Amino acid sequence: MFMYKYVLIMLMLSLLQACGAAAVQPWEKDELAKREMLIVPDPLFYYFDEHTYFSREASIGGLGAGSGGCGCN
């Protein structure tokens, strides 16, 4: 029973610590705005990659859109 309470207390403490997110100060935002921090570092490459994918698949929409067909005429 003691071990159960110990684990529960440790779990609660870890969840409490996880809730405290540090706020980003205005002078720190320049580091986050750098090109290396982008999810897609090269937007033009990403655009052409997506265009090629959807042209090949003959589908329109986001990546989660279901579609069918091989794109043949």
Protein backbone atom coordinates (compact mmCIF):
# COMPACT_ATOMS: atom_id res chain seq x y z
CA MET A 1 0.00 0.00 0.00
CA PHE A 2 2.90 2.34 0.76
CA MET A 3 4.38 1.79 -2.70
CA TYR A 4 1.07 2.67 -4.35
CA LYS A 5 0.90 5.98 -2.46
CA TYR A 6 4.54 6.71 -3.25
CA VAL A 7 4.02 6.12 -6.97
CA LEU A 8 0.84 8.20 -6.93
CA ILE A 9 2.59 11.09 -5.17
CA MET A 10 5.51 10.95 -7.63
CA LEU A 11 3.09 10.89 -10.56
CA MET A 12 1.22 13.90 -9.23
CA LEU A 13 4.44 15.83 -8.63
CA SER A 14 5.71 15.08 -12.13
CA LEU A 15 2.39 16.18 -13.65
CA LEU A 16 2.49 19.35 -11.58
CA GLN A 17 6.00 20.14 -12.83
CA ALA A 18 5.00 19.44 -16.43
CA CYS A 19 2.28 22.11 -16.24
CA GLY A 20 4.76 24.92 -15.71
CA ALA A 21 5.77 26.05 -19.19
CA ALA A 22 8.24 28.90 -19.39
CA ALA A 23 7.03 32.00 -21.18
CA VAL A 24 9.12 33.19 -24.10
CA GLN A 25 10.40 36.70 -23.56
CA PRO A 26 10.29 39.21 -26.45
CA TRP A 27 14.09 39.30 -26.77
CA GLU A 28 14.15 35.48 -27.06
CA LYS A 29 11.71 35.36 -29.96
CA ASP A 30 14.38 36.20 -32.53
CA GLU A 31 15.98 32.79 -31.90
CA LEU A 32 12.67 31.05 -32.62
CA ALA A 33 12.11 33.06 -35.80
CA LYS A 34 15.30 31.85 -37.50
CA ARG A 35 15.04 29.84 -40.69
CA GLU A 36 16.59 26.78 -39.02
CA MET A 37 13.71 26.64 -36.55
CA LEU A 38 11.02 26.30 -39.22
CA ILE A 39 9.22 22.98 -39.59
CA VAL A 40 9.75 23.28 -43.34
CA PRO A 41 13.13 24.97 -43.86
CA ASP A 42 12.57 25.58 -47.57
CA PRO A 43 8.95 26.49 -48.37
CA LEU A 44 9.55 26.42 -52.14
CA PHE A 45 10.91 22.87 -52.00
CA TYR A 46 7.95 21.84 -49.85
CA TYR A 47 5.51 23.40 -52.34
CA PHE A 48 6.99 21.53 -55.31
CA ASP A 49 7.20 18.30 -53.32
CA GLU A 50 3.51 18.54 -52.44
CA HIS A 51 2.64 19.50 -56.03
CA THR A 52 4.49 16.46 -57.37
CA TYR A 53 2.86 14.14 -54.83
CA PHE A 54 -0.67 15.30 -55.59
CA SER A 55 -0.05 15.30 -59.34
CA ARG A 56 1.11 11.71 -59.18
CA GLU A 57 -1.74 10.61 -56.95
CA ALA A 58 -4.39 12.56 -58.90
CA SER A 59 -5.79 13.84 -55.63
CA ILE A 60 -6.63 17.28 -54.32
CA GLY A 61 -6.54 18.47 -50.74
CA GLY A 62 -4.46 18.06 -47.64
CA LEU A 63 -2.28 15.14 -46.73
CA GLY A 64 -5.10 13.55 -44.75
CA ALA A 65 -7.56 13.58 -47.66
CA GLY A 66 -8.57 10.21 -48.98
CA SER A 67 -8.63 9.77 -52.71
CA GLY A 68 -8.60 7.09 -55.31
CA GLY A 69 -7.39 6.48 -58.79
CA CYS A 70 -3.98 6.25 -60.32
CA GLY A 71 -4.17 9.48 -62.32
CA CYS A 72 -4.23 7.69 -65.67
CA ASN A 73 -6.25 9.11 -68.56
